[in-house]
Amino acid sequence: NLKIKPDIIISDFININSKKLASISLTGFI
């Protein structure tokens, strides 16, 4: 939803290692 696309996203820890999350578009995510 950010109006400007970030170069990278940093976040409080969440585990994104799941096949159920194939539709998630997070890239460049730490």
PDB file of all heavy atoms in Angstrom:
ATOM      1  N   ASN A   1       0.798  -1.227   0.000  1.00  0.00           N
ATOM      2  CA  ASN A   1       0.000   0.000   0.000  1.00  0.00           C
ATOM      3  C   ASN A   1       0.831   1.279   0.000  1.00  0.00           C
ATOM      4  O   ASN A   1       0.278   2.377  -0.151  1.00  0.00           O
ATOM      5  CB  ASN A   1      -0.941   0.018   1.215  1.00  0.00           C
ATOM      6  CG  ASN A   1      -2.083  -0.965   1.079  1.00  0.00           C
ATOM      7  OD1 ASN A   1      -2.388  -1.418  -0.020  1.00  0.00           O
ATOM      8  ND2 ASN A   1      -2.715  -1.299   2.188  1.00  0.00           N
ATOM      9  N   LEU A   2       2.141   1.147   0.184  1.00  0.00           N
ATOM     10  CA  LEU A   2       3.000   2.341   0.152  1.00  0.00           C
ATOM     11  C   LEU A   2       2.931   2.994  -1.229  1.00  0.00           C
ATOM     12  O   LEU A   2       3.002   2.317  -2.253  1.00  0.00           O
ATOM     13  CB  LEU A   2       4.449   1.960   0.475  1.00  0.00           C
ATOM     14  CG  LEU A   2       4.754   1.600   1.932  1.00  0.00           C
ATOM     15  CD1 LEU A   2       6.123   0.937   2.030  1.00  0.00           C
ATOM     16  CD2 LEU A   2       4.682   2.836   2.834  1.00  0.00           C
ATOM     17  N   LYS A   3       2.808   4.310  -1.251  1.00  0.00           N
ATOM     18  CA  LYS A   3       2.718   5.035  -2.526  1.00  0.00           C
ATOM     19  C   LYS A   3       4.034   5.016  -3.290  1.00  0.00           C
ATOM     20  O   LYS A   3       4.065   5.162  -4.506  1.00  0.00           O
ATOM     21  CB  LYS A   3       2.276   6.476  -2.276  1.00  0.00           C
ATOM     22  CG  LYS A   3       0.835   6.593  -1.797  1.00  0.00           C
ATOM     23  CD  LYS A   3       0.429   8.035  -1.596  1.00  0.00           C
ATOM     24  CE  LYS A   3      -1.021   8.126  -1.137  1.00  0.00           C
ATOM     25  NZ  LYS A   3      -1.429   9.531  -0.913  1.00  0.00           N
ATOM     26  N   ILE A   4       5.125   4.849  -2.552  1.00  0.00           N
ATOM     27  CA  ILE A   4       6.455   4.753  -3.163  1.00  0.00           C
ATOM     28  C   ILE A   4       7.000   3.363  -2.872  1.00  0.00           C
ATOM     29  O   ILE A   4       6.996   2.914  -1.721  1.00  0.00           O
ATOM     30  CB  ILE A   4       7.404   5.828  -2.609  1.00  0.00           C
ATOM     31  CG1 ILE A   4       6.871   7.224  -2.926  1.00  0.00           C
ATOM     32  CG2 ILE A   4       8.818   5.660  -3.169  1.00  0.00           C
ATOM     33  CD1 ILE A   4       7.636   8.349  -2.254  1.00  0.00           C
ATOM     34  N   LYS A   5       7.462   2.668  -3.890  1.00  0.00           N
ATOM     35  CA  LYS A   5       7.968   1.311  -3.710  1.00  0.00           C
ATOM     36  C   LYS A   5       9.323   1.346  -3.002  1.00  0.00           C
ATOM     37  O   LYS A   5      10.255   2.017  -3.459  1.00  0.00           O
ATOM     38  CB  LYS A   5       8.106   0.611  -5.059  1.00  0.00           C
ATOM     39  CG  LYS A   5       8.505  -0.856  -4.939  1.00  0.00           C
ATOM     40  CD  LYS A   5       8.561  -1.528  -6.291  1.00  0.00           C
ATOM     41  CE  LYS A   5       8.973  -2.992  -6.151  1.00  0.00           C
ATOM     42  NZ  LYS A   5       9.045  -3.682  -7.461  1.00  0.00           N
ATOM     43  N   PRO A   6       9.459   0.625  -1.899  1.00  0.00           N
ATOM     44  CA  PRO A   6      10.740   0.611  -1.187  1.00  0.00           C
ATOM     45  C   PRO A   6      11.778  -0.246  -1.907  1.00  0.00           C
ATOM     46  O   PRO A   6      11.435  -1.144  -2.680  1.00  0.00           O
ATOM     47  CB  PRO A   6      10.380   0.001   0.167  1.00  0.00           C
ATOM     48  CG  PRO A   6       9.211  -0.879  -0.125  1.00  0.00           C
ATOM     49  CD  PRO A   6       8.433  -0.187  -1.208  1.00  0.00           C
ATOM     50  N   ASP A   7      13.051   0.029  -1.629  1.00  0.00           N
ATOM     51  CA  ASP A   7      14.135  -0.807  -2.153  1.00  0.00           C
ATOM     52  C   ASP A   7      14.237  -2.108  -1.369  1.00  0.00           C
ATOM     53  O   ASP A   7      14.656  -3.140  -1.900  1.00  0.00           O
ATOM     54  CB  ASP A   7      15.473  -0.060  -2.062  1.00  0.00           C
ATOM     55  CG  ASP A   7      15.490   1.214  -2.878  1.00  0.00           C
ATOM     56  OD1 ASP A   7      14.889   1.211  -3.974  1.00  0.00           O
ATOM     57  OD2 ASP A   7      16.080   2.207  -2.419  1.00  0.00           O
ATOM     58  N   ILE A   8      13.861  -2.041  -0.096  1.00  0.00           N
ATOM     59  CA  ILE A   8      13.939  -3.212   0.783  1.00  0.00           C
ATOM     60  C   ILE A   8      12.972  -3.020   1.942  1.00  0.00           C
ATOM     61  O   ILE A   8      12.642  -1.881   2.309  1.00  0.00           O
ATOM     62  CB  ILE A   8      15.388  -3.416   1.287  1.00  0.00           C
ATOM     63  CG1 ILE A   8      15.582  -4.819   1.848  1.00  0.00           C
ATOM     64  CG2 ILE A   8      15.793  -2.343   2.310  1.00  0.00           C
ATOM     65  CD1 ILE A   8      17.035  -5.227   1.998  1.00  0.00           C
ATOM     66  N   ILE A   9      12.495  -4.137   2.498  1.00  0.00           N
ATOM     67  CA  ILE A   9      11.572  -4.106   3.632  1.00  0.00           C
ATOM     68  C   ILE A   9      12.233  -4.808   4.808  1.00  0.00           C
ATOM     69  O   ILE A   9      12.731  -5.926   4.667  1.00  0.00           O
ATOM     70  CB  ILE A   9      10.257  -4.830   3.305  1.00  0.00           C
ATOM     71  CG1 ILE A   9       9.595  -4.223   2.070  1.00  0.00           C
ATOM     72  CG2 ILE A   9       9.296  -4.791   4.494  1.00  0.00           C
ATOM     73  CD1 ILE A   9       8.559  -5.130   1.444  1.00  0.00           C
ATOM     74  N   ILE A  10      12.243  -4.153   5.962  1.00  0.00           N
ATOM     75  CA  ILE A  10      12.700  -4.812   7.184  1.00  0.00           C
ATOM     76  C   ILE A  10      11.524  -4.849   8.156  1.00  0.00           C
ATOM     77  O   ILE A  10      10.723  -3.922   8.212  1.00  0.00           O
ATOM     78  CB  ILE A  10      13.935  -4.140   7.809  1.00  0.00           C
ATOM     79  CG1 ILE A  10      13.684  -2.658   8.096  1.00  0.00           C
ATOM     80  CG2 ILE A  10      15.149  -4.304   6.916  1.00  0.00           C
ATOM     81  CD1 ILE A  10      14.847  -1.963   8.794  1.00  0.00           C
ATOM     82  N   SER A  11      11.427  -5.947   8.878  1.00  0.00           N
ATOM     83  CA  SER A  11      10.247  -6.151   9.707  1.00  0.00           C
ATOM     84  C   SER A  11      10.612  -6.858  10.996  1.00  0.00           C
ATOM     85  O   SER A  11      11.629  -7.545  11.073  1.00  0.00           O
ATOM     86  CB  SER A  11       9.235  -6.987   8.924  1.00  0.00           C
ATOM     87  OG  SER A  11       8.250  -7.520   9.764  1.00  0.00           O
ATOM     88  N   ASP A  12       9.740  -6.684  11.994  1.00  0.00           N
ATOM     89  CA  ASP A  12       9.847  -7.532  13.167  1.00  0.00           C
ATOM     90  C   ASP A  12       9.703  -8.978  12.697  1.00  0.00           C
ATOM     91  O   ASP A  12       9.013  -9.250  11.712  1.00  0.00           O
ATOM     92  CB  ASP A  12       8.741  -7.172  14.168  1.00  0.00           C
ATOM     93  CG  ASP A  12       9.049  -7.664  15.563  1.00  0.00           C
ATOM     94  OD1 ASP A  12      10.207  -7.980  15.850  1.00  0.00           O
ATOM     95  OD2 ASP A  12       8.113  -7.731  16.387  1.00  0.00           O
ATOM     96  N   PHE A  13      10.338  -9.902  13.371  1.00  0.00           N
ATOM     97  CA  PHE A  13      10.453 -11.268  12.857  1.00  0.00           C
ATOM     98  C   PHE A  13       9.105 -11.946  12.656  1.00  0.00           C
ATOM     99  O   PHE A  13       8.255 -11.972  13.542  1.00  0.00           O
ATOM    100  CB  PHE A  13      11.292 -12.142  13.788  1.00  0.00           C
ATOM    101  CG  PHE A  13      11.499 -13.531  13.235  1.00  0.00           C
ATOM    102  CD1 PHE A  13      12.451 -13.758  12.267  1.00  0.00           C
ATOM    103  CD2 PHE A  13      10.693 -14.588  13.642  1.00  0.00           C
ATOM    104  CE1 PHE A  13      12.631 -15.034  11.724  1.00  0.00           C
ATOM    105  CE2 PHE A  13      10.855 -15.857  13.111  1.00  0.00           C
ATOM    106  CZ  PHE A  13      11.825 -16.071  12.143  1.00  0.00           C
ATOM    107  N   ILE A  14       8.898 -12.487  11.455  1.00  0.00           N
ATOM    108  CA  ILE A  14       7.801 -13.398  11.164  1.00  0.00           C
ATOM    109  C   ILE A  14       8.358 -14.515  10.292  1.00  0.00           C
ATOM    110  O   ILE A  14       9.219 -14.281   9.452  1.00  0.00           O
ATOM    111  CB  ILE A  14       6.612 -12.713  10.461  1.00  0.00           C
ATOM    112  CG1 ILE A  14       7.086 -11.861   9.269  1.00  0.00           C
ATOM    113  CG2 ILE A  14       5.800 -11.895  11.406  1.00  0.00           C
ATOM    114  CD1 ILE A  14       5.954 -11.249   8.477  1.00  0.00           C
ATOM    115  N   ASN A  15       7.863 -15.717  10.503  1.00  0.00           N
ATOM    116  CA  ASN A  15       8.345 -16.878   9.754  1.00  0.00           C
ATOM    117  C   ASN A  15       7.567 -16.999   8.451  1.00  0.00           C
ATOM    118  O   ASN A  15       6.367 -17.281   8.453  1.00  0.00           O
ATOM    119  CB  ASN A  15       8.170 -18.139  10.605  1.00  0.00           C
ATOM    120  CG  ASN A  15       8.750 -19.365   9.922  1.00  0.00           C
ATOM    121  OD1 ASN A  15       9.284 -19.278   8.814  1.00  0.00           O
ATOM    122  ND2 ASN A  15       8.651 -20.499  10.571  1.00  0.00           N
ATOM    123  N   ILE A  16       8.226 -16.783   7.314  1.00  0.00           N
ATOM    124  CA  ILE A  16       7.539 -16.833   6.024  1.00  0.00           C
ATOM    125  C   ILE A  16       7.808 -18.134   5.272  1.00  0.00           C
ATOM    126  O   ILE A  16       7.496 -18.259   4.099  1.00  0.00           O
ATOM    127  CB  ILE A  16       7.917 -15.622   5.142  1.00  0.00           C
ATOM    128  CG1 ILE A  16       9.426 -15.608   4.868  1.00  0.00           C
ATOM    129  CG2 ILE A  16       7.470 -14.339   5.774  1.00  0.00           C
ATOM    130  CD1 ILE A  16       9.838 -14.544   3.869  1.00  0.00           C
ATOM    131  N   ASN A  17       8.386 -19.113   5.944  1.00  0.00           N
ATOM    132  CA  ASN A  17       8.699 -20.395   5.284  1.00  0.00           C
ATOM    133  C   ASN A  17       7.485 -21.325   5.315  1.00  0.00           C
ATOM    134  O   ASN A  17       7.372 -22.207   6.151  1.00  0.00           O
ATOM    135  CB  ASN A  17       9.892 -21.069   5.987  1.00  0.00           C
ATOM    136  CG  ASN A  17      11.144 -20.229   5.866  1.00  0.00           C
ATOM    137  OD1 ASN A  17      11.412 -19.661   4.824  1.00  0.00           O
ATOM    138  ND2 ASN A  17      11.918 -20.156   6.942  1.00  0.00           N
ATOM    139  N   SER A  18       6.568 -21.115   4.399  1.00  0.00           N
ATOM    140  CA  SER A  18       5.370 -21.949   4.327  1.00  0.00           C
ATOM    141  C   SER A  18       4.861 -22.022   2.899  1.00  0.00           C
ATOM    142  O   SER A  18       4.784 -21.023   2.206  1.00  0.00           O
ATOM    143  CB  SER A  18       4.269 -21.381   5.234  1.00  0.00           C
ATOM    144  OG  SER A  18       3.064 -22.073   5.020  1.00  0.00           O
ATOM    145  N   LYS A  19       4.502 -23.231   2.455  1.00  0.00           N
ATOM    146  CA  LYS A  19       3.956 -23.413   1.104  1.00  0.00           C
ATOM    147  C   LYS A  19       2.603 -22.730   0.968  1.00  0.00           C
ATOM    148  O   LYS A  19       2.165 -22.404  -0.128  1.00  0.00           O
ATOM    149  CB  LYS A  19       3.809 -24.908   0.805  1.00  0.00           C
ATOM    150  CG  LYS A  19       5.139 -25.636   0.664  1.00  0.00           C
ATOM    151  CD  LYS A  19       4.926 -27.121   0.382  1.00  0.00           C
ATOM    152  CE  LYS A  19       6.266 -27.842   0.263  1.00  0.00           C
ATOM    153  NZ  LYS A  19       6.075 -29.292   0.040  1.00  0.00           N
ATOM    154  N   LYS A  20       1.932 -22.499   2.103  1.00  0.00           N
ATOM    155  CA  LYS A  20       0.631 -21.844   2.072  1.00  0.00           C
ATOM    156  C   LYS A  20       0.731 -20.372   1.688  1.00  0.00           C
ATOM    157  O   LYS A  20      -0.267 -19.716   1.439  1.00  0.00           O
ATOM    158  CB  LYS A  20      -0.052 -21.962   3.440  1.00  0.00           C
ATOM    159  CG  LYS A  20      -0.417 -23.386   3.837  1.00  0.00           C
ATOM    160  CD  LYS A  20      -1.074 -23.397   5.194  1.00  0.00           C
ATOM    161  CE  LYS A  20      -1.441 -24.816   5.624  1.00  0.00           C
ATOM    162  NZ  LYS A  20      -2.073 -24.841   6.957  1.00  0.00           N
ATOM    163  N   LEU A  21       1.958 -19.861   1.666  1.00  0.00           N
ATOM    164  CA  LEU A  21       2.151 -18.429   1.437  1.00  0.00           C
ATOM    165  C   LEU A  21       2.657 -18.134   0.035  1.00  0.00           C
ATOM    166  O   LEU A  21       3.291 -17.113  -0.208  1.00  0.00           O
ATOM    167  CB  LEU A  21       3.125 -17.862   2.479  1.00  0.00           C
ATOM    168  CG  LEU A  21       2.717 -18.123   3.925  1.00  0.00           C
ATOM    169  CD1 LEU A  21       3.806 -17.665   4.875  1.00  0.00           C
ATOM    170  CD2 LEU A  21       1.415 -17.429   4.256  1.00  0.00           C
ATOM    171  N   ALA A  22       2.356 -19.015  -0.896  1.00  0.00           N
ATOM    172  CA  ALA A  22       2.854 -18.862  -2.265  1.00  0.00           C
ATOM    173  C   ALA A  22       2.373 -17.572  -2.918  1.00  0.00           C
ATOM    174  O   ALA A  22       3.033 -17.021  -3.792  1.00  0.00           O
ATOM    175  CB  ALA A  22       2.418 -20.049  -3.110  1.00  0.00           C
ATOM    176  N   SER A  23       1.213 -17.064  -2.479  1.00  0.00           N
ATOM    177  CA  SER A  23       0.661 -15.855  -3.090  1.00  0.00           C
ATOM    178  C   SER A  23       1.230 -14.575  -2.489  1.00  0.00           C
ATOM    179  O   SER A  23       0.969 -13.485  -2.976  1.00  0.00           O
ATOM    180  CB  SER A  23      -0.864 -15.834  -2.927  1.00  0.00           C
ATOM    181  OG  SER A  23      -1.217 -15.786  -1.553  1.00  0.00           O
ATOM    182  N   ILE A  24       2.015 -14.701  -1.431  1.00  0.00           N
ATOM    183  CA  ILE A  24       2.582 -13.517  -0.793  1.00  0.00           C
ATOM    184  C   ILE A  24       3.663 -12.916  -1.687  1.00  0.00           C
ATOM    185  O   ILE A  24       4.511 -13.621  -2.219  1.00  0.00           O
ATOM    186  CB  ILE A  24       3.179 -13.882   0.591  1.00  0.00           C
ATOM    187  CG1 ILE A  24       2.058 -14.357   1.526  1.00  0.00           C
ATOM    188  CG2 ILE A  24       3.908 -12.725   1.200  1.00  0.00           C
ATOM    189  CD1 ILE A  24       1.032 -13.309   1.852  1.00  0.00           C
ATOM    190  N   SER A  25       3.641 -11.601  -1.824  1.00  0.00           N
ATOM    191  CA  SER A  25       4.525 -10.936  -2.786  1.00  0.00           C
ATOM    192  C   SER A  25       5.764 -10.311  -2.159  1.00  0.00           C
ATOM    193  O   SER A  25       6.479  -9.585  -2.821  1.00  0.00           O
ATOM    194  CB  SER A  25       3.734  -9.841  -3.525  1.00  0.00           C
ATOM    195  OG  SER A  25       3.276  -8.856  -2.613  1.00  0.00           O
ATOM    196  N   LEU A  26       6.005 -10.563  -0.873  1.00  0.00           N
ATOM    197  CA  LEU A  26       7.143  -9.947  -0.213  1.00  0.00           C
ATOM    198  C   LEU A  26       8.460 -10.328  -0.893  1.00  0.00           C
ATOM    199  O   LEU A  26       8.814 -11.489  -1.003  1.00  0.00           O
ATOM    200  CB  LEU A  26       7.214 -10.376   1.260  1.00  0.00           C
ATOM    201  CG  LEU A  26       6.190  -9.738   2.204  1.00  0.00           C
ATOM    202  CD1 LEU A  26       6.299 -10.353   3.571  1.00  0.00           C
ATOM    203  CD2 LEU A  26       6.367  -8.241   2.291  1.00  0.00           C
ATOM    204  N   THR A  27       9.175  -9.315  -1.354  1.00  0.00           N
ATOM    205  CA  THR A  27      10.505  -9.524  -1.928  1.00  0.00           C
ATOM    206  C   THR A  27      11.449  -8.528  -1.285  1.00  0.00           C
ATOM    207  O   THR A  27      11.038  -7.450  -0.873  1.00  0.00           O
ATOM    208  CB  THR A  27      10.491  -9.307  -3.454  1.00  0.00           C
ATOM    209  OG1 THR A  27       9.974  -8.003  -3.737  1.00  0.00           O
ATOM    210  CG2 THR A  27       9.635 -10.349  -4.150  1.00  0.00           C
ATOM    211  N   GLY A  28      12.725  -8.887  -1.240  1.00  0.00           N
ATOM    212  CA  GLY A  28      13.668  -7.990  -0.578  1.00  0.00           C
ATOM    213  C   GLY A  28      13.263  -7.763   0.860  1.00  0.00           C
ATOM    214  O   GLY A  28      13.252  -6.641   1.358  1.00  0.00           O
ATOM    215  N   PHE A  29      12.918  -8.857   1.543  1.00  0.00           N
ATOM    216  CA  PHE A  29      12.335  -8.780   2.883  1.00  0.00           C
ATOM    217  C   PHE A  29      13.294  -9.371   3.907  1.00  0.00           C
ATOM    218  O   PHE A  29      13.765 -10.492   3.754  1.00  0.00           O
ATOM    219  CB  PHE A  29      11.013  -9.549   2.877  1.00  0.00           C
ATOM    220  CG  PHE A  29      10.370  -9.694   4.226  1.00  0.00           C
ATOM    221  CD1 PHE A  29       9.707  -8.630   4.803  1.00  0.00           C
ATOM    222  CD2 PHE A  29      10.426 -10.897   4.912  1.00  0.00           C
ATOM    223  CE1 PHE A  29       9.100  -8.760   6.040  1.00  0.00           C
ATOM    224  CE2 PHE A  29       9.830 -11.041   6.150  1.00  0.00           C
ATOM    225  CZ  PHE A  29       9.160  -9.964   6.709  1.00  0.00           C
ATOM    226  N   ILE A  30      13.597  -8.599   4.963  1.00  0.00           N
ATOM    227  CA  ILE A  30      14.492  -9.072   6.018  1.00  0.00           C
ATOM    228  C   ILE A  30      13.760  -9.041   7.355  1.00  0.00           C
ATOM    229  O   ILE A  30      13.450  -7.969   7.877  1.00  0.00           O
ATOM    230  CB  ILE A  30      15.761  -8.195   6.124  1.00  0.00           C
ATOM    231  CG1 ILE A  30      16.514  -8.154   4.792  1.00  0.00           C
ATOM    232  CG2 ILE A  30      16.665  -8.701   7.242  1.00  0.00           C
ATOM    233  CD1 ILE A  30      17.691  -7.188   4.791  1.00  0.00           C
TER     234      ILE A  30
END
